[in-house]
Amino acid sequence: MTVKTALTGAILSMALSSATQAETVNVAFQGSLNSLDPYSLNETFTLGMLGNVYEGLIRRDETLKIEPALAESWEIISPKHWRFHLRENVKFHNGNDFTAEDVVFSMDRARSEASNLGYRIPEGTEVVAVDDHTVDFLLKAPSPIMHSGWETLYIMDKEWTVENEAETVASPSDNTVNYATLNANGTGPFRVVLHEPDIRTSFENFGNWWDTAKHNLTAVEFRPIKSDATRVAALLTGEMDLVFPVPVQDLKRIRETRTTKALTGPELRTVFLGLDQKRDELLYSDVKGKNPFKDVRVRKAFNHAVNIEAIRLKIMRELSSPTALMISPLLFSRSDQFERHPYDIETAKKLMSEAGYPDGFSVVLDCPNDRYVNDEAICQAVAAMLARIGVKVDLNAMPKALYFAKILSSGGFDTSFYMLGWTPSTLESSVVLKNLMNCRDDEGQGSSYNIGGWCDQEIDALTSKLTLEPDPTKRDELIAKAFRIAHDKAYYLPLHQQALAWGTTNNIEVSQRADNQLLFRFMTKN
């Protein structure tokens, strides 16, 4: 054998060995990945998928513990002065260097008008590049947990974004599109090589990632599969390696199939119903000249009319935990001090009569049909339950792309009654208060996800105190007071924390985080 032939054979052998170890994983979710713009939609699935491509200054491990990412370390020089020391020799997927200018640019873009993530940065904060790898955050007021929600506050490449005229965030509410909507350029372990909204997204391992890869994946192919039956069938036949969520009624079949397994566990997301309490007349109701949801008796009646135990048993097959609060009990130490408004039809009817609606009224319930576990089925059940107190619910179920565009409409929150799920990005209560329970104005400024538009100045005052309070015990006291007001005035109708339900083939190992983010760096295929 000649030296050339031997060398060629060695190279071929190495290539075959590498190909044997290289793995492609096929993943399906019930909804689509519509936009690649990391600031366009504050939604767990979208941000989680983009977390394979983009990175923040911090990240969280499999147990959700904070650890360094694009920032190697940080320090609080004073209560209003944070300094982040950035990781050196980090490359974006296009080869550009990561520097402090990218952080300053990203923080400004994240706070722009169309961004859905501006609340993650304290209002009035000045972001300053000290040098190429040092960034200062100069706050107007102390923020003791400022960085806790920054895992999904991703850093973009300033040069790439400007060059492609994508400085303006593409908002899902008006279906705007720019280069960053359909293309991505992050620093993460995977890069996007193909993105066809509503069809598929192809990810490829990024060989120049700054960290040491623990996964063994070469590529990930993502497809949205709306139909539960089709999604499960794709797993059982081996067409898909991982699907989520799995309908609770199919978990047994997946467990009993020789080639597949089911992964379940507690999830932090709270699923709830919201009510328009801002307009003087509801957009979608037969009540004219007034808004019944402004009356606390009507809101309490709705709470009393929902049989959450029936939903838990019949629809969720016991894979949900009914809740009285808008946060998981795993994230708030005083959750046991609160109880749901009990299921009581007679009390609900009495309250409706006292409020002037003895015969009920009609209202449209907007509901996604591909976002939360059994979301449409839950809405159907709620409609049937409210019928018992005379409320005629017209269910308007739709895919999440249309749903979020509607209820977050830049024209003014186009809904009267809606379902939403919420996982606090900081994994604590202040972000729930700021985003779901603080006042907003007619243009939506303020509490960005308070879609119902209700306003309680006492809760706002408690939130302001909480923002400045570093002591954990005192913080919990303030949180409990705010939650008590919201509970007693029934501003929301909390339902449950749904359980995680994923299905995989037996040769997949993956960490199932309680925030329901699927991160490829925690996955291997054997």
Protein backbone atom coordinates (compact mmCIF):
# COMPACT_ATOMS: atom_id res chain seq x y z
CA MET A 1 0.00 0.00 0.00
CA THR A 2 1.35 3.42 -0.90
CA VAL A 3 1.63 6.18 1.67
CA LYS A 4 -1.03 8.14 -0.23
CA THR A 5 -3.42 5.17 -0.18
CA ALA A 6 -2.80 4.54 3.50
CA LEU A 7 -3.40 8.20 4.32
CA THR A 8 -6.60 8.23 2.27
CA GLY A 9 -7.78 5.12 4.07
CA ALA A 10 -7.05 6.67 7.45
CA ILE A 11 -8.96 9.81 6.56
CA LEU A 12 -11.91 7.73 5.32
CA SER A 13 -11.85 5.68 8.52
CA MET A 14 -11.88 8.83 10.64
CA ALA A 15 -14.76 10.26 8.62
CA LEU A 16 -16.79 7.09 9.04
CA SER A 17 -16.09 7.05 12.78
CA SER A 18 -17.13 10.69 13.05
CA ALA A 19 -20.30 10.01 11.07
CA THR A 20 -21.14 7.14 13.40
CA GLN A 21 -20.87 9.44 16.42
CA ALA A 22 -22.63 12.36 14.77
CA GLU A 23 -26.33 12.37 15.54
CA THR A 24 -29.38 14.14 14.18
CA VAL A 25 -32.44 14.51 16.39
CA ASN A 26 -35.97 15.13 15.12
CA VAL A 27 -38.16 17.21 17.44
CA ALA A 28 -41.83 18.20 17.26
CA PHE A 29 -43.90 20.67 19.26
CA GLN A 30 -47.62 21.40 19.03
CA GLY A 31 -47.05 24.95 17.80
CA SER A 32 -44.72 26.60 15.35
CA LEU A 33 -41.57 28.66 15.81
CA ASN A 34 -42.71 31.74 13.95
CA SER A 35 -40.08 34.39 14.56
CA LEU A 36 -36.35 34.16 15.18
CA ASP A 37 -36.25 37.70 16.55
CA PRO A 38 -35.33 37.17 20.22
CA TYR A 39 -37.24 40.21 21.48
CA SER A 40 -40.50 39.85 19.56
CA LEU A 41 -42.45 37.47 21.82
CA ASN A 42 -42.03 36.76 25.51
CA GLU A 43 -43.16 33.14 25.27
CA THR A 44 -41.42 30.17 26.87
CA PHE A 45 -41.40 27.93 23.79
CA THR A 46 -40.09 30.62 21.44
CA LEU A 47 -37.43 31.85 23.87
CA GLY A 48 -36.48 28.28 24.78
CA MET A 49 -35.89 27.27 21.17
CA LEU A 50 -33.95 30.45 20.49
CA GLY A 51 -31.86 29.65 23.58
CA ASN A 52 -30.13 27.01 21.49
CA VAL A 53 -28.92 29.76 19.14
CA TYR A 54 -28.65 32.91 21.21
CA GLU A 55 -27.21 33.35 24.70
CA GLY A 56 -27.56 35.83 27.54
CA LEU A 57 -25.02 37.20 29.97
CA ILE A 58 -26.14 34.48 32.39
CA ARG A 59 -27.75 31.08 31.91
CA ARG A 60 -29.28 28.41 34.11
CA ASP A 61 -28.21 24.79 34.51
CA GLU A 62 -30.40 21.68 34.53
CA THR A 63 -31.66 22.55 38.04
CA LEU A 64 -32.28 26.22 37.06
CA LYS A 65 -29.33 27.48 39.08
CA ILE A 66 -27.77 30.67 37.66
CA GLU A 67 -24.30 30.32 36.15
CA PRO A 68 -22.05 32.49 33.94
CA ALA A 69 -22.60 32.54 30.17
CA LEU A 70 -21.45 35.44 27.98
CA ALA A 71 -20.45 37.19 31.19
CA GLU A 72 -17.71 35.31 33.02
CA SER A 73 -18.48 37.17 36.24
CA TRP A 74 -20.29 40.20 37.64
CA GLU A 75 -20.13 42.39 40.69
CA ILE A 76 -22.35 44.91 42.44
CA ILE A 77 -20.07 47.89 42.90
CA SER A 78 -22.88 49.76 44.63
CA PRO A 79 -26.65 49.12 44.91
CA LYS A 80 -27.16 51.11 41.68
CA HIS A 81 -24.00 50.06 39.84
CA TRP A 82 -23.53 46.56 38.41
CA ARG A 83 -20.44 45.57 36.40
CA PHE A 84 -20.31 42.56 34.05
CA HIS A 85 -16.99 41.11 32.90
CA LEU A 86 -17.53 39.56 29.48
CA ARG A 87 -16.08 36.34 28.15
CA GLU A 88 -13.28 36.86 25.65
CA ASN A 89 -12.70 35.04 22.35
CA VAL A 90 -16.41 34.41 21.79
CA LYS A 91 -17.58 34.32 18.17
CA PHE A 92 -20.99 34.87 16.65
CA HIS A 93 -22.06 32.25 14.13
CA ASN A 94 -20.98 34.49 11.22
CA GLY A 95 -17.48 34.85 12.68
CA ASN A 96 -17.89 38.31 14.21
CA ASP A 97 -16.31 38.95 17.60
CA PHE A 98 -18.56 39.35 20.66
CA THR A 99 -17.83 42.62 22.48
CA ALA A 100 -19.33 45.05 24.94
CA GLU A 101 -20.84 47.07 22.08
CA ASP A 102 -23.06 44.11 21.28
CA VAL A 103 -24.36 44.10 24.86
CA VAL A 104 -25.10 47.84 24.82
CA PHE A 105 -26.83 47.53 21.44
CA SER A 106 -28.88 44.51 22.52
CA MET A 107 -30.05 46.13 25.75
CA ASP A 108 -31.17 49.19 23.79
CA ARG A 109 -32.94 47.08 21.18
CA ALA A 110 -34.62 44.99 23.88
CA ARG A 111 -36.02 48.21 25.38
CA SER A 112 -37.33 49.56 22.08
CA GLU A 113 -41.02 50.18 21.50
CA ALA A 114 -41.96 46.94 19.74
CA SER A 115 -39.91 44.70 22.01
CA ASN A 116 -41.74 42.29 24.28
CA LEU A 117 -38.85 41.96 26.75
CA GLY A 118 -38.06 45.52 27.77
CA TYR A 119 -39.32 44.95 31.31
CA ARG A 120 -36.31 42.70 31.98
CA ILE A 121 -34.11 45.81 32.33
CA PRO A 122 -34.94 48.26 35.15
CA GLU A 123 -36.46 51.46 33.82
CA GLY A 124 -33.99 54.27 33.28
CA THR A 125 -30.92 52.01 33.37
CA GLU A 126 -27.89 53.33 31.49
CA VAL A 127 -25.78 50.62 29.85
CA VAL A 128 -22.16 51.65 29.26
CA ALA A 129 -19.28 49.86 27.54
CA VAL A 130 -16.26 50.42 29.81
CA ASP A 131 -13.97 48.57 27.40
CA ASP A 132 -14.35 45.75 24.89
CA HIS A 133 -15.11 43.19 27.60
CA THR A 134 -16.60 45.20 30.47
CA VAL A 135 -20.13 46.60 30.70
CA ASP A 136 -21.61 48.77 33.44
CA PHE A 137 -25.30 48.97 34.28
CA LEU A 138 -26.09 52.26 36.03
CA LEU A 139 -29.52 52.02 37.66
CA LYS A 140 -31.90 54.74 38.77
CA ALA A 141 -32.77 52.68 41.84
CA PRO A 142 -31.41 49.49 43.43
CA SER A 143 -32.51 46.21 41.83
CA PRO A 144 -31.15 43.34 43.94
CA ILE A 145 -32.21 40.57 41.54
CA MET A 146 -31.77 42.47 38.27
CA HIS A 147 -29.99 39.68 36.36
CA SER A 148 -32.20 36.79 37.46
CA GLY A 149 -34.37 36.97 34.33
CA TRP A 150 -31.55 37.40 31.87
CA GLU A 151 -31.06 33.82 30.65
CA THR A 152 -33.47 34.54 27.82
CA LEU A 153 -32.50 38.20 27.40
CA TYR A 154 -30.28 37.30 24.49
CA ILE A 155 -27.34 39.21 23.03
CA MET A 156 -27.38 40.04 19.33
CA ASP A 157 -24.55 40.98 16.98
CA LYS A 158 -24.75 44.76 16.46
CA GLU A 159 -22.83 44.71 13.18
CA TRP A 160 -24.97 41.92 11.69
CA THR A 161 -28.24 43.47 12.82
CA VAL A 162 -27.44 46.94 11.51
CA GLU A 163 -25.98 45.60 8.27
CA ASN A 164 -29.22 43.73 7.61
CA GLU A 165 -31.43 46.69 8.62
CA ALA A 166 -33.05 44.77 11.47
CA GLU A 167 -32.62 47.33 14.25
CA THR A 168 -36.39 47.53 14.72
CA VAL A 169 -37.97 44.61 16.56
CA ALA A 170 -40.54 42.72 14.50
CA SER A 171 -43.74 42.65 16.51
CA PRO A 172 -46.05 39.60 16.32
CA SER A 173 -49.08 41.80 16.97
CA ASP A 174 -48.91 43.44 13.54
CA ASN A 175 -47.16 40.59 11.67
CA THR A 176 -44.14 42.68 10.75
CA VAL A 177 -41.14 40.87 9.28
CA ASN A 178 -37.48 41.82 8.97
CA TYR A 179 -34.19 40.00 8.45
CA ALA A 180 -33.96 38.98 12.13
CA THR A 181 -37.41 37.40 11.92
CA LEU A 182 -36.27 34.80 9.40
CA ASN A 183 -32.54 34.61 10.17
CA ALA A 184 -30.44 34.29 13.32
CA ASN A 185 -26.84 34.97 14.33
CA GLY A 186 -26.08 34.08 17.91
CA THR A 187 -23.18 32.76 19.96
CA GLY A 188 -24.92 29.59 21.15
CA PRO A 189 -24.14 25.88 20.63
CA PHE A 190 -26.37 25.62 17.53
CA ARG A 191 -26.93 27.81 14.52
CA VAL A 192 -30.01 28.06 12.31
CA VAL A 193 -29.36 26.84 8.75
CA LEU A 194 -32.98 26.82 7.53
CA HIS A 195 -36.13 28.47 8.83
CA GLU A 196 -39.51 28.02 7.19
CA PRO A 197 -42.20 29.36 9.56
CA ASP A 198 -45.02 26.87 10.19
CA ILE A 199 -43.04 24.15 8.36
CA ARG A 200 -39.62 23.46 9.87
CA THR A 201 -36.45 24.90 11.36
CA SER A 202 -33.07 23.21 10.95
CA PHE A 203 -30.33 23.64 13.54
CA GLU A 204 -26.70 22.65 13.12
CA ASN A 205 -24.00 22.17 15.74
CA PHE A 206 -21.76 25.27 15.97
CA GLY A 207 -18.19 23.99 16.12
CA ASN A 208 -16.71 27.28 17.35
CA TRP A 209 -18.90 27.52 20.45
CA TRP A 210 -16.94 28.93 23.37
CA ASP A 211 -18.07 26.21 25.80
CA THR A 212 -17.28 22.49 25.88
CA ALA A 213 -20.19 20.59 24.31
CA LYS A 214 -21.69 17.82 26.43
CA HIS A 215 -24.21 16.83 23.78
CA ASN A 216 -23.35 14.62 20.80
CA LEU A 217 -25.74 16.17 18.29
CA THR A 218 -24.73 17.28 14.84
CA ALA A 219 -28.14 18.62 13.84
CA VAL A 220 -31.67 19.08 15.13
CA GLU A 221 -34.67 19.15 12.82
CA PHE A 222 -37.71 20.87 14.33
CA ARG A 223 -41.24 20.51 12.97
CA PRO A 224 -44.52 21.85 14.33
CA ILE A 225 -47.17 19.12 14.51
CA LYS A 226 -50.44 20.58 15.76
CA SER A 227 -52.46 17.35 15.89
CA ASP A 228 -51.91 15.45 19.13
CA ALA A 229 -52.62 12.12 17.46
CA THR A 230 -50.22 12.81 14.59
CA ARG A 231 -47.50 14.01 16.95
CA VAL A 232 -47.72 10.92 19.14
CA ALA A 233 -47.89 8.63 16.11
CA ALA A 234 -44.71 10.24 14.75
CA LEU A 235 -42.94 9.32 17.99
CA LEU A 236 -44.26 5.77 18.10
CA THR A 237 -43.18 5.09 14.52
CA GLY A 238 -39.71 6.55 15.09
CA GLU A 239 -40.23 9.47 12.72
CA MET A 240 -39.66 11.80 15.69
CA ASP A 241 -37.12 11.36 18.48
CA LEU A 242 -38.78 13.78 20.90
CA VAL A 243 -42.26 15.32 20.99
CA PHE A 244 -43.88 17.69 23.44
CA PRO A 245 -46.29 18.15 24.96
CA VAL A 246 -47.74 14.66 25.08
CA PRO A 247 -51.50 14.55 25.72
CA VAL A 248 -51.97 13.12 29.18
CA GLN A 249 -54.26 10.39 27.82
CA ASP A 250 -51.40 9.08 25.63
CA LEU A 251 -48.73 8.78 28.32
CA LYS A 252 -49.69 5.20 29.17
CA ARG A 253 -49.41 4.09 25.54
CA ILE A 254 -45.99 5.69 25.18
CA ARG A 255 -44.77 4.03 28.37
CA GLU A 256 -46.03 0.64 27.21
CA THR A 257 -44.41 0.88 23.77
CA ARG A 258 -41.06 -0.90 23.69
CA THR A 259 -39.19 1.84 21.80
CA THR A 260 -40.45 4.93 23.61
CA LYS A 261 -40.60 6.48 27.06
CA ALA A 262 -42.53 9.30 28.73
CA LEU A 263 -40.92 12.06 30.76
CA THR A 264 -43.12 13.85 33.29
CA GLY A 265 -42.48 16.29 36.08
CA PRO A 266 -43.68 19.50 37.71
CA GLU A 267 -43.79 22.63 35.57
CA LEU A 268 -43.52 26.18 36.84
CA ARG A 269 -46.05 27.67 34.39
CA THR A 270 -49.39 28.84 35.77
CA VAL A 271 -52.35 28.61 33.37
CA PHE A 272 -55.11 31.12 34.08
CA LEU A 273 -58.07 33.03 32.67
CA GLY A 274 -58.13 36.80 32.38
CA LEU A 275 -60.95 39.31 32.05
CA ASP A 276 -61.12 42.72 30.38
CA GLN A 277 -61.69 45.09 33.30
CA LYS A 278 -60.52 48.29 31.60
CA ARG A 279 -63.09 49.05 28.91
CA ASP A 280 -66.40 50.61 29.91
CA GLU A 281 -68.10 48.18 27.52
CA LEU A 282 -66.78 44.77 26.52
CA LEU A 283 -65.86 44.23 22.89
CA TYR A 284 -67.43 40.78 22.70
CA SER A 285 -70.54 40.55 24.86
CA ASP A 286 -74.27 41.22 24.70
CA VAL A 287 -74.03 43.53 27.72
CA LYS A 288 -74.26 47.08 26.43
CA GLY A 289 -73.27 50.30 28.15
CA LYS A 290 -71.27 48.68 30.94
CA ASN A 291 -68.64 46.07 31.70
CA PRO A 292 -69.74 43.24 34.02
CA PHE A 293 -66.11 42.31 34.75
CA LYS A 294 -65.59 45.59 36.57
CA ASP A 295 -67.83 44.14 39.31
CA VAL A 296 -65.91 42.00 41.81
CA ARG A 297 -69.06 39.91 42.39
CA VAL A 298 -69.06 38.79 38.75
CA ARG A 299 -65.36 37.96 38.89
CA LYS A 300 -65.85 35.95 42.05
CA ALA A 301 -68.86 34.20 40.52
CA PHE A 302 -66.71 33.07 37.59
CA ASN A 303 -64.15 31.70 40.06
CA HIS A 304 -66.80 29.84 42.06
CA ALA A 305 -68.34 28.38 38.89
CA VAL A 306 -65.19 26.63 37.66
CA ASN A 307 -64.85 23.07 38.91
CA ILE A 308 -61.06 22.82 38.87
CA GLU A 309 -61.10 19.32 40.33
CA ALA A 310 -63.15 18.05 37.39
CA ILE A 311 -60.61 19.65 35.03
CA ARG A 312 -57.78 17.99 36.95
CA LEU A 313 -59.37 14.54 36.87
CA LYS A 314 -61.17 14.38 33.54
CA ILE A 315 -59.14 16.62 31.23
CA MET A 316 -55.67 16.68 32.77
CA ARG A 317 -55.81 13.05 34.00
CA GLU A 318 -54.37 14.17 37.35
CA LEU A 319 -51.33 15.79 35.71
CA SER A 320 -52.04 19.28 36.99
CA SER A 321 -51.96 21.05 40.34
CA PRO A 322 -54.87 23.44 40.99
CA THR A 323 -53.66 26.79 42.24
CA ALA A 324 -54.98 29.82 44.07
CA LEU A 325 -52.13 32.05 42.96
CA MET A 326 -50.54 33.27 39.76
CA ILE A 327 -47.24 31.58 40.61
CA SER A 328 -46.12 28.04 41.28
CA PRO A 329 -45.93 27.13 44.99
CA LEU A 330 -42.39 25.94 44.26
CA LEU A 331 -41.45 29.61 43.74
CA PHE A 332 -43.18 31.30 46.68
CA SER A 333 -42.69 30.25 50.30
CA ARG A 334 -46.10 31.50 51.47
CA SER A 335 -48.26 29.80 48.86
CA ASP A 336 -49.84 27.59 51.51
CA GLN A 337 -51.49 30.68 53.02
CA PHE A 338 -53.83 30.94 50.03
CA GLU A 339 -56.83 28.82 49.00
CA ARG A 340 -58.83 28.89 45.80
CA HIS A 341 -62.30 30.37 45.72
CA PRO A 342 -64.19 27.08 46.22
CA TYR A 343 -66.36 25.51 43.56
CA ASP A 344 -69.86 26.56 44.61
CA ILE A 345 -72.56 27.00 41.97
CA GLU A 346 -75.16 28.38 44.37
CA THR A 347 -72.79 31.05 45.66
CA ALA A 348 -71.87 31.89 42.06
CA LYS A 349 -75.54 32.29 41.08
CA LYS A 350 -76.20 34.46 44.11
CA LEU A 351 -73.28 36.74 43.27
CA MET A 352 -74.43 37.05 39.66
CA SER A 353 -77.91 38.00 40.80
CA GLU A 354 -76.57 40.56 43.28
CA ALA A 355 -74.47 42.08 40.50
CA GLY A 356 -77.57 42.49 38.32
CA TYR A 357 -77.10 39.49 36.01
CA PRO A 358 -79.55 36.86 37.31
CA ASP A 359 -79.90 35.44 33.79
CA GLY A 360 -76.22 35.79 32.95
CA PHE A 361 -74.87 37.27 29.71
CA SER A 362 -72.84 36.22 26.68
CA VAL A 363 -69.10 36.66 26.17
CA VAL A 364 -66.42 35.40 23.78
CA LEU A 365 -63.55 33.37 25.27
CA ASP A 366 -60.33 33.59 23.23
CA CYS A 367 -58.25 30.46 23.62
CA PRO A 368 -55.17 28.96 21.95
CA ASN A 369 -55.48 25.42 20.61
CA ASP A 370 -51.79 24.57 20.26
CA ARG A 371 -49.99 26.23 23.17
CA TYR A 372 -50.82 24.67 26.55
CA VAL A 373 -51.65 21.11 27.51
CA ASN A 374 -55.28 20.46 26.51
CA ASP A 375 -55.85 24.21 26.20
CA GLU A 376 -58.91 24.06 23.94
CA ALA A 377 -60.44 21.21 25.97
CA ILE A 378 -60.04 23.25 29.16
CA CYS A 379 -61.72 26.24 27.55
CA GLN A 380 -64.58 24.04 26.37
CA ALA A 381 -65.01 22.73 29.93
CA VAL A 382 -64.98 26.26 31.37
CA ALA A 383 -67.65 27.29 28.86
CA ALA A 384 -69.87 24.41 29.98
CA MET A 385 -69.32 25.24 33.66
CA LEU A 386 -70.16 28.93 33.22
CA ALA A 387 -73.35 27.94 31.41
CA ARG A 388 -74.62 26.69 34.77
CA ILE A 389 -74.73 30.29 36.02
CA GLY A 390 -76.33 31.62 32.84
CA VAL A 391 -73.16 32.76 31.07
CA LYS A 392 -73.16 31.85 27.39
CA VAL A 393 -69.54 31.47 26.31
CA ASP A 394 -68.71 31.58 22.60
CA LEU A 395 -65.37 29.81 22.30
CA ASN A 396 -62.90 31.32 19.84
CA ALA A 397 -60.02 28.82 19.65
CA MET A 398 -57.12 29.41 17.26
CA PRO A 399 -53.43 28.58 16.63
CA LYS A 400 -51.03 30.43 18.90
CA ALA A 401 -49.60 32.58 16.10
CA LEU A 402 -53.02 34.11 15.50
CA TYR A 403 -53.90 34.03 19.17
CA PHE A 404 -50.99 36.09 20.46
CA ALA A 405 -51.30 38.54 17.57
CA LYS A 406 -54.93 39.08 18.60
CA ILE A 407 -54.71 39.41 22.37
CA LEU A 408 -51.48 41.42 22.23
CA SER A 409 -52.74 43.55 19.36
CA SER A 410 -50.97 46.87 18.97
CA GLY A 411 -54.46 48.26 18.41
CA GLY A 412 -55.30 47.57 22.03
CA PHE A 413 -55.54 44.04 23.44
CA ASP A 414 -58.33 42.64 21.29
CA THR A 415 -60.12 40.38 23.78
CA SER A 416 -62.76 40.32 26.52
CA PHE A 417 -61.99 36.94 28.11
CA TYR A 418 -58.84 34.93 27.48
CA MET A 419 -56.51 32.10 28.54
CA LEU A 420 -52.82 32.60 29.21
CA GLY A 421 -49.93 30.69 30.76
CA TRP A 422 -47.06 32.37 32.59
CA THR A 423 -43.65 31.21 33.80
CA PRO A 424 -41.79 34.01 35.60
CA SER A 425 -38.45 34.56 33.89
CA THR A 426 -36.81 35.43 37.20
CA LEU A 427 -38.30 32.35 38.90
CA GLU A 428 -39.76 34.54 41.64
CA SER A 429 -42.78 36.73 42.23
CA SER A 430 -41.73 40.29 41.38
CA VAL A 431 -41.91 39.67 37.63
CA VAL A 432 -45.46 38.31 38.07
CA LEU A 433 -46.49 41.51 39.81
CA LYS A 434 -44.74 43.77 37.31
CA ASN A 435 -46.09 42.05 34.21
CA LEU A 436 -49.49 40.70 35.22
CA MET A 437 -50.66 42.81 38.16
CA ASN A 438 -49.45 46.37 37.73
CA CYS A 439 -51.38 49.17 36.01
CA ARG A 440 -51.01 49.93 32.31
CA ASP A 441 -52.22 52.84 30.23
CA ASP A 442 -54.38 52.83 27.10
CA GLU A 443 -51.33 52.27 24.89
CA GLY A 444 -50.27 49.23 26.92
CA GLN A 445 -47.37 50.97 28.68
CA GLY A 446 -46.73 49.59 32.14
CA SER A 447 -47.68 46.03 32.98
CA SER A 448 -47.27 44.58 29.49
CA TYR A 449 -49.20 41.32 30.05
CA ASN A 450 -51.99 42.80 32.16
CA ILE A 451 -54.20 42.26 29.14
CA GLY A 452 -57.36 42.80 31.19
CA GLY A 453 -56.12 46.29 32.02
CA TRP A 454 -57.21 46.35 35.64
CA CYS A 455 -55.40 48.76 37.97
CA ASP A 456 -54.86 48.59 41.71
CA GLN A 457 -52.69 51.37 43.08
CA GLU A 458 -52.03 49.49 46.32
CA ILE A 459 -50.50 46.56 44.41
CA ASP A 460 -48.39 49.01 42.38
CA ALA A 461 -47.10 50.61 45.58
CA LEU A 462 -46.19 47.20 47.05
CA THR A 463 -44.40 46.29 43.82
CA SER A 464 -42.35 49.49 43.97
CA LYS A 465 -41.28 48.70 47.53
CA LEU A 466 -40.44 45.14 46.50
CA THR A 467 -38.15 46.35 43.71
CA LEU A 468 -35.93 48.08 46.27
CA GLU A 469 -36.07 45.48 49.06
CA PRO A 470 -33.08 43.09 49.27
CA ASP A 471 -34.17 41.18 52.39
CA PRO A 472 -35.89 37.87 51.38
CA THR A 473 -38.24 37.77 54.39
CA LYS A 474 -39.42 41.34 53.88
CA ARG A 475 -39.78 40.68 50.15
CA ASP A 476 -42.08 37.73 50.86
CA GLU A 477 -44.18 39.89 53.17
CA LEU A 478 -44.71 42.46 50.42
CA ILE A 479 -45.47 39.76 47.86
CA ALA A 480 -48.01 38.09 50.15
CA LYS A 481 -49.82 41.40 50.69
CA ALA A 482 -50.03 42.04 46.95
CA PHE A 483 -51.19 38.51 46.18
CA ARG A 484 -53.83 38.74 48.92
CA ILE A 485 -55.33 41.87 47.33
CA ALA A 486 -55.39 40.26 43.89
CA HIS A 487 -56.92 37.07 45.27
CA ASP A 488 -59.62 38.77 47.35
CA LYS A 489 -60.63 41.02 44.46
CA ALA A 490 -60.53 38.09 41.99
CA TYR A 491 -58.65 40.05 39.36
CA TYR A 492 -57.73 36.74 37.70
CA LEU A 493 -59.08 33.22 37.56
CA PRO A 494 -56.03 31.00 38.18
CA LEU A 495 -56.46 27.40 37.03
CA HIS A 496 -53.43 25.20 37.59
CA GLN A 497 -49.79 24.44 37.04
CA GLN A 498 -49.77 21.84 34.27
CA ALA A 499 -47.33 18.94 34.47
CA LEU A 500 -44.54 18.51 31.98
CA ALA A 501 -45.21 15.67 29.55
CA TRP A 502 -42.60 14.83 26.92
CA GLY A 503 -42.20 11.70 24.87
CA THR A 504 -38.87 10.41 23.55
CA THR A 505 -37.43 7.34 21.91
CA ASN A 506 -35.41 5.12 24.24
CA ASN A 507 -32.09 6.23 22.80
CA ILE A 508 -32.58 9.87 23.81
CA GLU A 509 -31.30 11.27 27.08
CA VAL A 510 -32.38 14.82 27.92
CA SER A 511 -32.70 17.04 30.97
CA GLN A 512 -36.31 18.11 31.47
CA ARG A 513 -36.15 21.48 33.15
CA ALA A 514 -39.14 22.64 35.18
CA ASP A 515 -39.45 25.76 33.01
CA ASN A 516 -40.24 23.53 29.98
CA GLN A 517 -37.35 24.80 27.88
CA LEU A 518 -35.89 22.20 25.53
CA LEU A 519 -32.17 22.94 25.35
CA PHE A 520 -30.19 20.79 22.94
CA ARG A 521 -27.00 21.14 24.99
CA PHE A 522 -28.60 18.91 27.59
CA MET A 523 -29.42 16.15 25.07
CA THR A 524 -27.63 13.08 23.76
CA LYS A 525 -28.67 10.40 21.29
CA ASN A 526 -27.22 6.93 21.81
